[in-house]
């Protein structure tokens, strides 16, 4: 797992990655406004966005409607499957185990994400599906782009009630935490 340190990047590279992560954050914000878990993504080929997705698990009551699946479904309506081998994914939260497996099987070129998924992460947060030598070609992943923004979107969602969760928990007394720990505390597992 590589952590992107935006300060260490040259300005052009940083601006390029941040441009697409801003689009992913916009998708996550749309998901949040729709009472969905605020995860958003964009798929980029040759510097152009070819697919967008936001979580739709609450609306559809389908646990597989993660942002990555939603975006890929739209891409495959208009493009051959091979186009995914030429794309990079920008997603606000590290892909879960399910999504990491799908991305690897489709051969996505690289994944850039905001914050780690410490419960279900498939690209270093919990498991290393992106680099497991027993499966296809390894997929490079880079985390930490707009990490704080991604964390705050998730916190805004989880502080509110989610009636469509399998076991809704009362959250009326919860408060939004705004302090974010440094990255070394939440570094991916090796």
N, C-alpha and C. Protein backbone atom coordinates (compact mmCIF):
# COMPACT_ATOMS: atom_id res chain seq x y z
N UNK A 1 0.84 -1.17 0.00
CA UNK A 1 0.00 0.00 0.00
C UNK A 1 0.88 1.23 0.00
N UNK A 2 0.56 2.15 -0.84
CA UNK A 2 1.30 3.41 -0.88
C UNK A 2 0.38 4.51 -0.39
N UNK A 3 0.90 5.33 0.47
CA UNK A 3 0.15 6.49 0.92
C UNK A 3 0.64 7.68 0.12
N UNK A 4 -0.27 8.36 -0.53
CA UNK A 4 0.11 9.55 -1.29
C UNK A 4 0.34 10.68 -0.31
N UNK A 5 1.46 11.28 -0.40
CA UNK A 5 1.75 12.47 0.40
C UNK A 5 1.70 13.63 -0.57
N UNK A 6 0.59 14.37 -0.54
CA UNK A 6 0.40 15.43 -1.53
C UNK A 6 1.50 16.47 -1.47
N UNK A 7 2.09 16.70 -0.30
CA UNK A 7 3.17 17.68 -0.22
C UNK A 7 4.40 17.21 -0.99
N UNK A 8 4.59 15.88 -1.09
CA UNK A 8 5.75 15.34 -1.78
C UNK A 8 5.57 15.31 -3.30
N UNK A 9 4.35 15.48 -3.78
CA UNK A 9 4.07 15.46 -5.21
C UNK A 9 4.41 16.80 -5.83
N UNK A 10 4.76 16.74 -7.11
CA UNK A 10 4.90 18.02 -7.80
C UNK A 10 3.49 18.59 -8.01
N UNK A 11 3.41 19.86 -8.24
CA UNK A 11 2.11 20.56 -8.30
C UNK A 11 1.20 20.00 -9.39
N UNK A 12 1.75 19.66 -10.55
CA UNK A 12 0.92 19.14 -11.65
C UNK A 12 0.32 17.79 -11.30
N UNK A 13 1.13 16.89 -10.73
CA UNK A 13 0.63 15.56 -10.36
C UNK A 13 -0.43 15.68 -9.27
N UNK A 14 -0.15 16.51 -8.28
CA UNK A 14 -1.12 16.71 -7.19
C UNK A 14 -2.44 17.26 -7.73
N UNK A 15 -2.36 18.25 -8.60
CA UNK A 15 -3.57 18.85 -9.16
C UNK A 15 -4.35 17.83 -9.98
N UNK A 16 -3.65 16.99 -10.73
CA UNK A 16 -4.31 15.95 -11.55
C UNK A 16 -5.12 15.01 -10.65
N UNK A 17 -4.49 14.44 -9.62
CA UNK A 17 -5.19 13.50 -8.74
C UNK A 17 -6.29 14.18 -7.94
N UNK A 18 -6.04 15.39 -7.46
CA UNK A 18 -7.04 16.09 -6.67
C UNK A 18 -8.26 16.46 -7.50
N UNK A 19 -8.05 16.73 -8.77
CA UNK A 19 -9.19 17.06 -9.65
C UNK A 19 -10.20 15.92 -9.67
N UNK A 20 -9.71 14.71 -9.83
CA UNK A 20 -10.63 13.57 -9.91
C UNK A 20 -11.17 13.17 -8.54
N UNK A 21 -10.36 13.35 -7.49
CA UNK A 21 -10.88 13.04 -6.17
C UNK A 21 -11.97 14.04 -5.79
N UNK A 22 -11.88 15.29 -6.24
CA UNK A 22 -12.97 16.24 -5.99
C UNK A 22 -14.27 15.76 -6.63
N UNK A 23 -14.16 15.17 -7.82
CA UNK A 23 -15.36 14.63 -8.47
C UNK A 23 -15.92 13.45 -7.68
N UNK A 24 -15.04 12.61 -7.14
CA UNK A 24 -15.49 11.49 -6.31
C UNK A 24 -16.17 12.01 -5.04
N UNK A 25 -15.61 13.05 -4.44
CA UNK A 25 -16.22 13.64 -3.25
C UNK A 25 -17.59 14.22 -3.57
N UNK A 26 -17.73 14.83 -4.74
CA UNK A 26 -19.04 15.36 -5.15
C UNK A 26 -20.06 14.22 -5.24
N UNK A 27 -19.64 13.07 -5.74
CA UNK A 27 -20.55 11.91 -5.81
C UNK A 27 -20.91 11.44 -4.40
N UNK A 28 -19.95 11.45 -3.49
CA UNK A 28 -20.21 11.04 -2.10
C UNK A 28 -21.18 12.02 -1.43
N UNK A 29 -21.02 13.31 -1.74
CA UNK A 29 -21.95 14.31 -1.18
C UNK A 29 -23.36 14.09 -1.69
N UNK A 30 -23.50 13.72 -2.96
CA UNK A 30 -24.83 13.39 -3.50
C UNK A 30 -25.42 12.18 -2.79
N UNK A 31 -24.59 11.18 -2.54
CA UNK A 31 -25.06 10.00 -1.82
C UNK A 31 -25.54 10.38 -0.43
N UNK A 32 -24.78 11.22 0.26
CA UNK A 32 -25.16 11.66 1.60
C UNK A 32 -26.51 12.38 1.58
N UNK A 33 -26.72 13.25 0.60
CA UNK A 33 -27.99 13.98 0.48
C UNK A 33 -29.16 13.03 0.21
N UNK A 34 -28.85 11.84 -0.31
CA UNK A 34 -29.89 10.83 -0.60
C UNK A 34 -30.00 9.79 0.51
N UNK A 35 -29.44 10.09 1.67
CA UNK A 35 -29.45 9.17 2.82
C UNK A 35 -28.73 7.85 2.52
N UNK A 36 -27.68 7.94 1.73
CA UNK A 36 -26.84 6.79 1.44
C UNK A 36 -25.50 6.97 2.14
N UNK A 37 -24.80 5.87 2.37
CA UNK A 37 -23.44 5.96 2.89
C UNK A 37 -22.64 6.79 1.90
N UNK A 38 -21.99 7.86 2.37
CA UNK A 38 -21.34 8.80 1.44
C UNK A 38 -20.01 8.30 0.89
N UNK A 39 -20.13 7.39 -0.05
CA UNK A 39 -18.96 6.92 -0.80
C UNK A 39 -19.26 7.24 -2.26
N UNK A 40 -18.30 7.88 -2.91
CA UNK A 40 -18.46 8.23 -4.31
C UNK A 40 -17.19 7.90 -5.07
N UNK A 41 -17.35 7.69 -6.38
CA UNK A 41 -16.18 7.36 -7.19
C UNK A 41 -16.33 7.85 -8.62
N UNK A 42 -15.18 7.95 -9.27
CA UNK A 42 -15.13 8.19 -10.71
C UNK A 42 -14.07 7.29 -11.30
N UNK A 43 -14.32 6.82 -12.51
CA UNK A 43 -13.35 6.05 -13.28
C UNK A 43 -12.82 6.96 -14.37
N UNK A 44 -11.50 6.98 -14.53
CA UNK A 44 -10.83 7.90 -15.44
C UNK A 44 -10.01 7.13 -16.47
N UNK A 45 -10.23 7.48 -17.74
CA UNK A 45 -9.45 6.91 -18.84
C UNK A 45 -8.92 8.07 -19.67
N UNK A 46 -7.61 8.09 -19.89
CA UNK A 46 -6.98 9.13 -20.70
C UNK A 46 -7.34 10.54 -20.22
N UNK A 47 -7.39 10.72 -18.91
CA UNK A 47 -7.66 12.04 -18.35
C UNK A 47 -9.11 12.48 -18.39
N UNK A 48 -10.01 11.58 -18.78
CA UNK A 48 -11.45 11.90 -18.86
C UNK A 48 -12.24 10.93 -18.00
N UNK A 49 -13.26 11.44 -17.34
CA UNK A 49 -14.15 10.59 -16.53
C UNK A 49 -15.07 9.82 -17.47
N UNK A 50 -15.05 8.49 -17.34
CA UNK A 50 -15.94 7.66 -18.17
C UNK A 50 -17.05 7.01 -17.35
N UNK A 51 -16.98 7.14 -16.03
CA UNK A 51 -18.03 6.57 -15.19
C UNK A 51 -18.03 7.19 -13.81
N UNK A 52 -19.23 7.30 -13.24
CA UNK A 52 -19.41 7.87 -11.90
C UNK A 52 -20.34 6.97 -11.11
N UNK A 53 -20.12 6.96 -9.80
CA UNK A 53 -21.01 6.18 -8.97
C UNK A 53 -21.05 6.68 -7.55
N UNK A 54 -22.17 6.47 -6.91
CA UNK A 54 -22.35 6.73 -5.49
C UNK A 54 -23.08 5.54 -4.91
N UNK A 55 -22.93 5.30 -3.63
CA UNK A 55 -23.61 4.16 -3.02
C UNK A 55 -25.12 4.25 -3.23
N UNK A 56 -25.73 3.10 -3.46
CA UNK A 56 -27.19 3.00 -3.62
C UNK A 56 -27.76 1.86 -2.80
N UNK A 57 -27.06 1.47 -1.75
CA UNK A 57 -27.50 0.30 -0.97
C UNK A 57 -28.79 0.55 -0.21
N UNK A 58 -28.99 1.74 0.32
CA UNK A 58 -30.23 2.02 1.06
C UNK A 58 -31.42 2.12 0.12
N UNK A 59 -31.26 2.84 -0.98
CA UNK A 59 -32.36 3.03 -1.92
C UNK A 59 -32.82 1.71 -2.52
N UNK A 60 -31.86 0.87 -2.89
CA UNK A 60 -32.19 -0.37 -3.57
C UNK A 60 -32.37 -1.56 -2.63
N UNK A 61 -31.96 -1.37 -1.36
CA UNK A 61 -31.94 -2.49 -0.39
C UNK A 61 -31.12 -3.65 -0.94
N UNK A 62 -30.05 -3.32 -1.66
CA UNK A 62 -29.17 -4.31 -2.28
C UNK A 62 -27.75 -4.00 -1.82
N UNK A 63 -27.18 -4.87 -1.01
CA UNK A 63 -25.86 -4.66 -0.44
C UNK A 63 -24.72 -4.66 -1.44
N UNK A 64 -24.98 -5.00 -2.69
CA UNK A 64 -23.91 -4.97 -3.70
C UNK A 64 -23.88 -3.65 -4.48
N UNK A 65 -24.77 -2.74 -4.19
CA UNK A 65 -24.83 -1.48 -4.95
C UNK A 65 -23.88 -0.44 -4.37
N UNK A 66 -22.62 -0.85 -4.23
CA UNK A 66 -21.58 0.08 -3.80
C UNK A 66 -21.24 1.00 -4.97
N UNK A 67 -20.62 2.13 -4.66
CA UNK A 67 -20.30 3.13 -5.68
C UNK A 67 -19.55 2.53 -6.87
N UNK A 68 -18.58 1.66 -6.61
CA UNK A 68 -17.79 1.07 -7.68
C UNK A 68 -18.64 0.20 -8.61
N UNK A 69 -19.56 -0.59 -8.04
CA UNK A 69 -20.45 -1.43 -8.85
C UNK A 69 -21.39 -0.57 -9.69
N UNK A 70 -21.91 0.50 -9.08
CA UNK A 70 -22.82 1.40 -9.80
C UNK A 70 -22.11 2.02 -11.00
N UNK A 71 -20.89 2.51 -10.78
CA UNK A 71 -20.13 3.15 -11.86
C UNK A 71 -19.79 2.15 -12.96
N UNK A 72 -19.34 0.97 -12.58
CA UNK A 72 -18.96 -0.03 -13.59
C UNK A 72 -20.17 -0.46 -14.41
N UNK A 73 -21.33 -0.58 -13.78
CA UNK A 73 -22.53 -0.94 -14.55
C UNK A 73 -22.79 0.09 -15.64
N UNK A 74 -22.66 1.36 -15.30
CA UNK A 74 -22.85 2.42 -16.29
C UNK A 74 -21.79 2.39 -17.39
N UNK A 75 -20.56 2.14 -17.02
CA UNK A 75 -19.47 2.07 -18.01
C UNK A 75 -19.71 0.94 -18.99
N UNK A 76 -20.10 -0.22 -18.47
CA UNK A 76 -20.27 -1.40 -19.33
C UNK A 76 -21.51 -1.32 -20.23
N UNK A 77 -22.42 -0.39 -19.93
CA UNK A 77 -23.56 -0.18 -20.83
C UNK A 77 -23.11 0.44 -22.14
N UNK A 78 -21.97 1.17 -22.12
CA UNK A 78 -21.52 1.92 -23.28
C UNK A 78 -20.17 1.48 -23.82
N UNK A 79 -19.44 0.66 -23.07
CA UNK A 79 -18.07 0.30 -23.45
C UNK A 79 -17.84 -1.19 -23.30
N UNK A 80 -16.85 -1.72 -24.03
CA UNK A 80 -16.49 -3.12 -23.82
C UNK A 80 -15.78 -3.27 -22.47
N UNK A 81 -15.82 -4.47 -21.91
CA UNK A 81 -15.24 -4.73 -20.60
C UNK A 81 -13.74 -4.37 -20.56
N UNK A 82 -13.04 -4.53 -21.64
CA UNK A 82 -11.61 -4.26 -21.70
C UNK A 82 -11.23 -2.83 -21.39
N UNK A 83 -12.16 -1.90 -21.50
CA UNK A 83 -11.85 -0.49 -21.21
C UNK A 83 -11.41 -0.31 -19.76
N UNK A 84 -11.88 -1.18 -18.87
CA UNK A 84 -11.53 -1.05 -17.46
C UNK A 84 -10.04 -1.27 -17.21
N UNK A 85 -9.37 -2.01 -18.07
CA UNK A 85 -7.92 -2.22 -17.94
C UNK A 85 -7.14 -0.94 -18.22
N UNK A 86 -7.80 0.04 -18.81
CA UNK A 86 -7.16 1.32 -19.14
C UNK A 86 -7.65 2.45 -18.24
N UNK A 87 -8.30 2.10 -17.13
CA UNK A 87 -8.88 3.13 -16.27
C UNK A 87 -8.26 3.13 -14.88
N UNK A 88 -8.33 4.30 -14.26
CA UNK A 88 -7.95 4.47 -12.86
C UNK A 88 -9.23 4.82 -12.10
N UNK A 89 -9.31 4.30 -10.89
CA UNK A 89 -10.46 4.58 -10.03
C UNK A 89 -10.06 5.58 -8.96
N UNK A 90 -10.90 6.60 -8.78
CA UNK A 90 -10.78 7.55 -7.67
C UNK A 90 -12.02 7.35 -6.82
N UNK A 91 -11.82 6.98 -5.56
CA UNK A 91 -12.95 6.67 -4.67
C UNK A 91 -12.66 7.26 -3.30
N UNK A 92 -13.70 7.75 -2.64
CA UNK A 92 -13.51 8.46 -1.39
C UNK A 92 -13.07 7.57 -0.24
N UNK A 93 -13.47 6.31 -0.26
CA UNK A 93 -13.12 5.37 0.80
C UNK A 93 -12.47 4.14 0.16
N UNK A 94 -11.46 3.62 0.82
CA UNK A 94 -10.79 2.40 0.35
C UNK A 94 -11.83 1.36 -0.06
N UNK A 95 -11.66 0.73 -1.23
CA UNK A 95 -12.61 -0.31 -1.64
C UNK A 95 -12.71 -1.44 -0.61
N UNK A 96 -13.93 -1.89 -0.38
CA UNK A 96 -14.15 -3.01 0.54
C UNK A 96 -13.61 -4.29 -0.11
N UNK A 97 -13.65 -5.37 0.62
CA UNK A 97 -13.16 -6.65 0.12
C UNK A 97 -13.88 -7.04 -1.16
N UNK A 98 -15.20 -6.90 -1.18
CA UNK A 98 -15.99 -7.27 -2.36
C UNK A 98 -15.59 -6.42 -3.57
N UNK A 99 -15.50 -5.11 -3.38
CA UNK A 99 -15.16 -4.22 -4.49
C UNK A 99 -13.72 -4.40 -4.95
N UNK A 100 -12.81 -4.58 -4.00
CA UNK A 100 -11.40 -4.80 -4.35
C UNK A 100 -11.25 -6.04 -5.22
N UNK A 101 -11.98 -7.08 -4.90
CA UNK A 101 -11.92 -8.30 -5.70
C UNK A 101 -12.44 -8.06 -7.11
N UNK A 102 -13.58 -7.36 -7.21
CA UNK A 102 -14.14 -7.06 -8.53
C UNK A 102 -13.17 -6.20 -9.34
N UNK A 103 -12.60 -5.18 -8.73
CA UNK A 103 -11.68 -4.28 -9.44
C UNK A 103 -10.46 -5.05 -9.94
N UNK A 104 -9.97 -5.93 -9.13
CA UNK A 104 -8.79 -6.73 -9.53
C UNK A 104 -9.15 -7.68 -10.67
N UNK A 105 -10.30 -8.31 -10.59
CA UNK A 105 -10.71 -9.24 -11.64
C UNK A 105 -10.94 -8.52 -12.97
N UNK A 106 -11.45 -7.29 -12.92
CA UNK A 106 -11.63 -6.51 -14.15
C UNK A 106 -10.31 -5.92 -14.64
N UNK A 107 -9.29 -5.93 -13.80
CA UNK A 107 -7.98 -5.44 -14.20
C UNK A 107 -7.86 -3.93 -14.22
N UNK A 108 -8.58 -3.24 -13.33
CA UNK A 108 -8.48 -1.78 -13.25
C UNK A 108 -7.01 -1.42 -13.04
N UNK A 109 -6.55 -0.39 -13.73
CA UNK A 109 -5.13 -0.06 -13.76
C UNK A 109 -4.58 0.37 -12.39
N UNK A 110 -5.30 1.25 -11.68
CA UNK A 110 -4.85 1.72 -10.36
C UNK A 110 -6.03 2.28 -9.59
N UNK A 111 -5.90 2.31 -8.27
CA UNK A 111 -6.94 2.83 -7.39
C UNK A 111 -6.33 3.92 -6.51
N UNK A 112 -7.02 5.07 -6.46
CA UNK A 112 -6.66 6.19 -5.59
C UNK A 112 -7.84 6.43 -4.67
N UNK A 113 -7.58 6.48 -3.35
CA UNK A 113 -8.71 6.66 -2.44
C UNK A 113 -8.40 7.68 -1.36
N UNK A 114 -9.48 8.11 -0.69
CA UNK A 114 -9.36 9.11 0.35
C UNK A 114 -8.95 8.52 1.69
N UNK A 115 -9.85 7.79 2.34
CA UNK A 115 -9.56 7.25 3.68
C UNK A 115 -9.65 5.73 3.67
N UNK A 116 -9.00 5.15 4.68
CA UNK A 116 -9.00 3.70 4.81
C UNK A 116 -10.32 3.21 5.36
N UNK A 117 -10.65 1.98 5.00
CA UNK A 117 -11.84 1.29 5.47
C UNK A 117 -11.35 0.28 6.50
N UNK A 118 -11.36 0.66 7.77
CA UNK A 118 -10.76 -0.15 8.82
C UNK A 118 -11.57 -1.38 9.20
N UNK A 119 -12.80 -1.48 8.72
CA UNK A 119 -13.62 -2.66 9.02
C UNK A 119 -13.68 -3.65 7.86
N UNK A 120 -13.73 -3.13 6.62
CA UNK A 120 -13.95 -4.01 5.48
C UNK A 120 -12.97 -3.79 4.33
N UNK A 121 -11.90 -3.05 4.55
CA UNK A 121 -10.99 -2.66 3.48
C UNK A 121 -10.30 -3.83 2.79
N UNK A 122 -10.31 -3.79 1.47
CA UNK A 122 -9.71 -4.86 0.68
C UNK A 122 -8.40 -4.48 0.03
N UNK A 123 -7.92 -3.24 0.25
CA UNK A 123 -6.67 -2.82 -0.38
C UNK A 123 -5.69 -2.31 0.67
N UNK A 124 -5.61 -3.03 1.78
CA UNK A 124 -4.63 -2.70 2.81
C UNK A 124 -5.21 -2.41 4.17
N UNK A 125 -6.46 -1.94 4.24
CA UNK A 125 -7.07 -1.62 5.52
C UNK A 125 -7.30 -2.84 6.38
N UNK A 126 -7.75 -3.94 5.77
CA UNK A 126 -7.96 -5.21 6.46
C UNK A 126 -7.27 -6.34 5.69
N UNK A 127 -7.61 -6.48 4.43
CA UNK A 127 -6.99 -7.49 3.56
C UNK A 127 -6.25 -6.80 2.42
N UNK A 128 -5.37 -7.56 1.77
CA UNK A 128 -4.56 -7.03 0.67
C UNK A 128 -4.92 -7.71 -0.65
N UNK A 129 -6.18 -7.64 -1.01
CA UNK A 129 -6.65 -8.28 -2.24
C UNK A 129 -5.96 -7.68 -3.46
N UNK A 130 -5.62 -6.41 -3.40
CA UNK A 130 -4.98 -5.73 -4.53
C UNK A 130 -3.61 -6.32 -4.86
N UNK A 131 -2.97 -6.98 -3.91
CA UNK A 131 -1.61 -7.45 -4.15
C UNK A 131 -1.40 -8.93 -3.88
N UNK A 132 -2.46 -9.66 -3.55
CA UNK A 132 -2.34 -11.09 -3.28
C UNK A 132 -1.74 -11.78 -4.50
N UNK A 133 -0.63 -12.49 -4.33
CA UNK A 133 0.04 -13.10 -5.49
C UNK A 133 -0.73 -14.26 -6.12
N UNK A 134 -1.75 -14.77 -5.46
CA UNK A 134 -2.49 -15.90 -6.02
C UNK A 134 -3.60 -15.49 -6.97
N UNK A 135 -3.79 -14.17 -7.15
CA UNK A 135 -4.89 -13.68 -7.97
C UNK A 135 -4.37 -12.71 -9.02
N UNK A 136 -4.61 -12.98 -10.28
CA UNK A 136 -4.36 -12.05 -11.38
C UNK A 136 -3.15 -11.13 -11.16
N UNK A 137 -3.06 -10.08 -11.95
CA UNK A 137 -1.98 -9.10 -11.85
C UNK A 137 -2.24 -8.16 -10.68
N UNK A 138 -1.22 -7.86 -9.86
CA UNK A 138 -1.44 -6.93 -8.76
C UNK A 138 -1.92 -5.57 -9.26
N UNK A 139 -2.67 -4.89 -8.42
CA UNK A 139 -3.24 -3.60 -8.76
C UNK A 139 -2.65 -2.56 -7.81
N UNK A 140 -1.98 -1.53 -8.32
CA UNK A 140 -1.43 -0.51 -7.42
C UNK A 140 -2.55 0.33 -6.80
N UNK A 141 -2.39 0.64 -5.52
CA UNK A 141 -3.35 1.47 -4.81
C UNK A 141 -2.61 2.56 -4.05
N UNK A 142 -3.26 3.72 -3.96
CA UNK A 142 -2.68 4.88 -3.29
C UNK A 142 -3.75 5.51 -2.43
N UNK A 143 -3.47 5.68 -1.16
CA UNK A 143 -4.47 6.24 -0.27
C UNK A 143 -4.07 7.57 0.33
N UNK A 144 -5.05 8.31 0.78
CA UNK A 144 -4.82 9.53 1.52
C UNK A 144 -5.17 10.83 0.82
N UNK A 145 -5.72 10.77 -0.40
CA UNK A 145 -6.09 12.00 -1.11
C UNK A 145 -7.40 12.54 -0.51
N UNK A 146 -7.36 13.73 0.04
CA UNK A 146 -8.52 14.33 0.71
C UNK A 146 -9.09 13.40 1.78
N UNK A 147 -8.19 12.77 2.52
CA UNK A 147 -8.56 11.83 3.58
C UNK A 147 -9.51 12.46 4.59
N UNK A 148 -9.20 13.67 5.05
CA UNK A 148 -10.02 14.32 6.08
C UNK A 148 -11.44 14.57 5.57
N UNK A 149 -11.58 15.02 4.32
CA UNK A 149 -12.90 15.27 3.75
C UNK A 149 -13.71 13.98 3.68
N UNK A 150 -13.07 12.89 3.29
CA UNK A 150 -13.77 11.60 3.20
C UNK A 150 -14.22 11.14 4.58
N UNK A 151 -13.36 11.29 5.58
CA UNK A 151 -13.72 10.90 6.94
C UNK A 151 -14.90 11.72 7.44
N UNK A 152 -14.89 13.02 7.21
CA UNK A 152 -15.97 13.87 7.69
C UNK A 152 -17.30 13.54 7.03
N UNK A 153 -17.27 13.19 5.75
CA UNK A 153 -18.52 12.78 5.09
C UNK A 153 -19.08 11.53 5.77
N UNK A 154 -18.23 10.55 6.05
CA UNK A 154 -18.69 9.35 6.73
C UNK A 154 -19.23 9.67 8.12
N UNK A 155 -18.54 10.51 8.84
CA UNK A 155 -19.01 10.87 10.19
C UNK A 155 -20.36 11.56 10.14
N UNK A 156 -20.58 12.41 9.16
CA UNK A 156 -21.88 13.08 9.04
C UNK A 156 -22.99 12.07 8.81
N UNK A 157 -22.70 11.02 8.06
CA UNK A 157 -23.70 9.99 7.82
C UNK A 157 -23.95 9.16 9.08
N UNK A 158 -22.88 8.71 9.72
CA UNK A 158 -23.04 7.79 10.83
C UNK A 158 -23.53 8.44 12.12
N UNK A 159 -23.53 9.76 12.19
CA UNK A 159 -24.08 10.43 13.36
C UNK A 159 -25.61 10.53 13.26
N UNK A 160 -26.16 10.32 12.07
CA UNK A 160 -27.61 10.39 11.88
C UNK A 160 -28.23 9.00 11.92
N UNK A 161 -29.53 8.95 11.95
CA UNK A 161 -30.26 7.68 11.93
C UNK A 161 -30.22 7.09 10.52
N UNK A 162 -30.11 5.77 10.43
CA UNK A 162 -30.19 5.06 9.15
C UNK A 162 -31.23 3.96 9.31
N UNK A 163 -32.47 4.30 9.01
CA UNK A 163 -33.56 3.35 9.22
C UNK A 163 -33.46 2.11 8.34
N UNK A 164 -32.67 2.18 7.28
CA UNK A 164 -32.57 1.03 6.38
C UNK A 164 -31.42 0.11 6.74
N UNK A 165 -30.67 0.44 7.80
CA UNK A 165 -29.59 -0.44 8.25
C UNK A 165 -30.21 -1.73 8.78
N UNK A 166 -29.48 -2.87 8.68
CA UNK A 166 -30.03 -4.14 9.14
C UNK A 166 -30.52 -4.10 10.59
N UNK A 167 -29.77 -3.45 11.48
CA UNK A 167 -30.18 -3.29 12.86
C UNK A 167 -30.01 -1.83 13.22
N UNK A 168 -31.02 -0.99 12.92
CA UNK A 168 -30.86 0.44 13.21
C UNK A 168 -30.53 0.69 14.68
N UNK A 169 -29.60 1.60 14.91
CA UNK A 169 -29.20 1.94 16.27
C UNK A 169 -29.65 3.38 16.54
N UNK A 170 -30.15 3.61 17.74
CA UNK A 170 -30.56 4.95 18.11
C UNK A 170 -29.34 5.86 18.19
N UNK A 171 -29.38 6.99 17.51
CA UNK A 171 -28.23 7.88 17.44
C UNK A 171 -28.57 9.30 17.86
N UNK A 172 -29.69 9.50 18.49
CA UNK A 172 -30.12 10.85 18.84
C UNK A 172 -29.13 11.56 19.75
N UNK A 173 -28.38 10.82 20.53
CA UNK A 173 -27.45 11.45 21.47
C UNK A 173 -26.03 11.56 20.91
N UNK A 174 -25.79 11.10 19.71
CA UNK A 174 -24.45 11.16 19.13
C UNK A 174 -24.11 12.57 18.70
N UNK A 175 -22.83 12.87 18.79
CA UNK A 175 -22.32 14.17 18.36
C UNK A 175 -21.29 13.95 17.27
N UNK A 176 -21.24 14.88 16.34
CA UNK A 176 -20.28 14.81 15.24
C UNK A 176 -18.89 15.15 15.74
N UNK A 177 -17.96 14.20 15.62
CA UNK A 177 -16.57 14.45 15.99
C UNK A 177 -15.88 15.13 14.82
N UNK A 178 -15.13 16.17 15.10
CA UNK A 178 -14.46 16.89 14.03
C UNK A 178 -12.94 16.74 14.07
N UNK A 179 -12.42 16.16 15.13
CA UNK A 179 -10.98 15.95 15.24
C UNK A 179 -10.60 14.68 14.49
N UNK A 180 -9.56 14.75 13.67
CA UNK A 180 -9.13 13.60 12.88
C UNK A 180 -7.70 13.25 13.27
N UNK A 181 -7.47 11.99 13.61
CA UNK A 181 -6.15 11.52 14.02
C UNK A 181 -5.18 11.58 12.84
N UNK A 182 -3.90 11.72 13.11
CA UNK A 182 -2.91 11.73 12.02
C UNK A 182 -2.89 10.38 11.29
N UNK A 183 -2.37 10.38 10.07
CA UNK A 183 -2.40 9.18 9.25
C UNK A 183 -1.62 8.02 9.84
N UNK A 184 -0.56 8.26 10.60
CA UNK A 184 0.23 7.15 11.12
C UNK A 184 -0.55 6.30 12.11
N UNK A 185 -1.57 6.84 12.73
CA UNK A 185 -2.39 6.07 13.66
C UNK A 185 -3.29 5.10 12.90
N UNK A 186 -3.76 5.51 11.73
CA UNK A 186 -4.66 4.67 10.95
C UNK A 186 -3.97 4.14 9.69
N UNK A 187 -2.71 3.84 9.79
CA UNK A 187 -1.98 3.31 8.64
C UNK A 187 -2.51 1.93 8.29
N UNK A 188 -2.44 1.56 7.02
CA UNK A 188 -2.93 0.24 6.61
C UNK A 188 -2.10 -0.87 7.24
N UNK A 189 -2.73 -2.04 7.34
CA UNK A 189 -2.03 -3.21 7.88
C UNK A 189 -1.09 -3.76 6.81
N UNK A 190 0.07 -4.20 7.21
CA UNK A 190 1.04 -4.76 6.25
C UNK A 190 0.84 -6.23 6.09
